[in-house]
Amino acid sequence: MTDKERTPRAHVTPPDALALPHVVEAIAMCLDDQKDFGRFLHAIPRSLWTPALTAFLACTTVMPSSVSTNWPHIALLSMELPPLVLTLLAATLPLRPRFQLQCPIGQAAPLASLVAVVGPAINSVTLHLNSNGAANGRGQAISSLLLQRCPHLPRVVVCVKLNLPTGNSELSDLLAVVAHRHVEDLTIALQRAPPELGYLLAAWLSTAPATKLRLVQVAQIDHDAAIAFCDALQANTTLRELSMYNARAFGGFHGRTLPVSLKTLEWNARTNSVVDDATMTDLATAVGPTQLERLECSVFGQLATCPAAAPMLAQLQWLLVSGLNAGDMEALIAGLLSVPALMSLALVCNCDLSFSTELLMETLATTCVHLETLHVSDEQLTRREVVVVLSGTLDLPRLTSLTMAIRLSVVLDVLPELVAAGRQLRTLHLNAIVHGEMHGGAGEAKRALYRALALTQNVPFVVEALPEDTDAFVVDVLGPRADRGDRCRLSFT
C-alpha cells in the first residue's frame, strides 16, 4: 500500500440541514450493507454520530470473540455476555438491527438475560439438544422465552445430536417453538421425531408466513403425523424453498403435490442408499405440477424416468446433483434429455465422470443448448478428461461460467484448451487439487500457470487476486485494469 493510500480520508462537512445527528442516523439506517455503512459514518464527524451509531461500531471491538457486526446484522457468538456488552447491545436498538444468535442455545438462564434486553430484535436462533443440552425442564423454558419475548423471530434452527427416545419430553417442549407465528425460515435436524412434529409442522405451514423449510435426518415419525404434514404442505401457498435430506419419514410426500409457490427443492437421500420405486413415483407426482426453478436431487436420473415429473422438468432452469458414482452417470446423462430449458448444471461432491466425460459434454451440446453455467467437481479427472470438458465449452455457445476441479499436475499440460475456453467464457474458476507429494509446491505451480498465461499472445484472462509475490510482468499482463472489463475473470483456488 502506498503512502497516498494510507492517508486518512478527510471528513465531509454535510450541509447545515443535514448536520444533525438524527438525520445522519436516518441516512445510515437506509444503507444496505456494512461497506456502505462504514464508509458513510467514517466520512462524517464523530460529533454527528448518535449513541446508537457509536454503540453499533463499538460492538465488535469491545468483545470481538462474542459479538460480530455486519450491518444491519449483529451476530452473537456466545450467550455468556457481561452486563457492559448487554448495555451496549441495548443502545443499538434505535437502529433496528437484526440480532442473530449463532451460538447453540441449550440453557435458559443466559437466554433469559439476553431476550430481556434485545428480544424484539432477535431474528435468528439455533437450538441444540445433546448430552450436555437442555434437561430438567429447560426445553420448555427456552421455547417459552422465544415465543413470549421474541415477537419478530423469522428464523429458527433446531438441531438434535443424539437419538432420543420417541417420548422424550425435553425434545417435545423444545419443538414447541415451531408454533411461533412469525417464523418464516425453519430448519429441524433430528433422528427420531416425536409424534407431534408432523402436526406442529402442519400447523406452522397453515398459519405462519412460511417461506423456507429444511428437514434433515428425520428418519422416523408417526405415519398419521407424516400424512398431516404432507396434506398441509400441499395446501400451503407461501413456501418458496423446501429442503429434505434423508428425511425418510416423509418419503416422496405420500402422493401429495408440493405448493404451487415453491421455487427451490432439495431432495437428497443418504449417499449410496437405494430409493424404492414407490417413493420415486410419489416424488414425481409431488413435483410434476410445480413451477420449480431450482432442483437439487441425488436421484435425478431415476426421477427423470417418471412421466409424472415431466412437466416440471421441461421448464427447469437450475439443477444440482451430488456424489454420483460412475455407475449412476448413465442415468443422469439420459435424464438431461428431459431438461431442455436448463441454464445451470452443477455436478458436485466429487461426482465420478471417469467413464462418461465425453458423453456428458456431447449431451449438453445437443440437448441443453441454453446452458450458461457449468460446475464439474471430480477430483480424479485425467488430463484427457480435463481437455474434453474445456474443449466442450466451445460447443456450448451460451456458456459463460465454468467451475471445475483440476489437479495441479495437469494444469500446464492443458494450457491451449484453457486459453481457448477463456476466449468464450466470462468466468473460469479452477479448484486446484493438491496431492500430498506436491503440497509444498502448490504455490509455485500456480505461479507457473500465471507466468505461462502472461506469455500467451492476446491472453483472454484477468486475475483479480494474484499472489503477493507475483512477478511484476505477470501483474502487468493479468492484473485488473479498467480496460480489461471484457476479459474472462480467472480464479484459481
Foldseek 3Di string as FASTA:
>chain_A
DDPVVVDDDEADDDPPVCQALVNLLVVLLPDDKQVVNVVSVSNHPPVSHDLLSVLLVCLCVVPVVAWDDMPLEIEGADLPDDPVNLVSVLSNCVSLGAYEDPYEAFAQVSVVVNLVRQQQRYAYHEYEDEPPGHDDPRLLNNLVCNQPRHLQHAYYEYEYDDQDDQPDVSLVNNVVNLQRQAHAAYEYEYAEYHQCPLVSLLNSQVGHLHAYYAYHNHQYYDLVSLLSNLVSQLVGARYAEYEYEQNPHNQLSQQGAGHQNYAEYHDEYPPPDDRDPVSLQSVLQHQQVHQYAEYEYQPLLSNLVHPSNLNNQQQHAYYEYEDAECVSVVSVLVSLQSRQNYAEYAYDHAHDCPPPLLVNLVSCLVRNLNHAEYEEEHQPDDLVSVLSVLVSLVSNQNHAEYEYEDELVCVVVNVVSVQVSQVRHQEYEYEYDYDPVCVVVPLVSVLVSLVVLLPDPPRQEAEDDDDPPRDPSSCVRRHDDPVNNRGRYYHYD
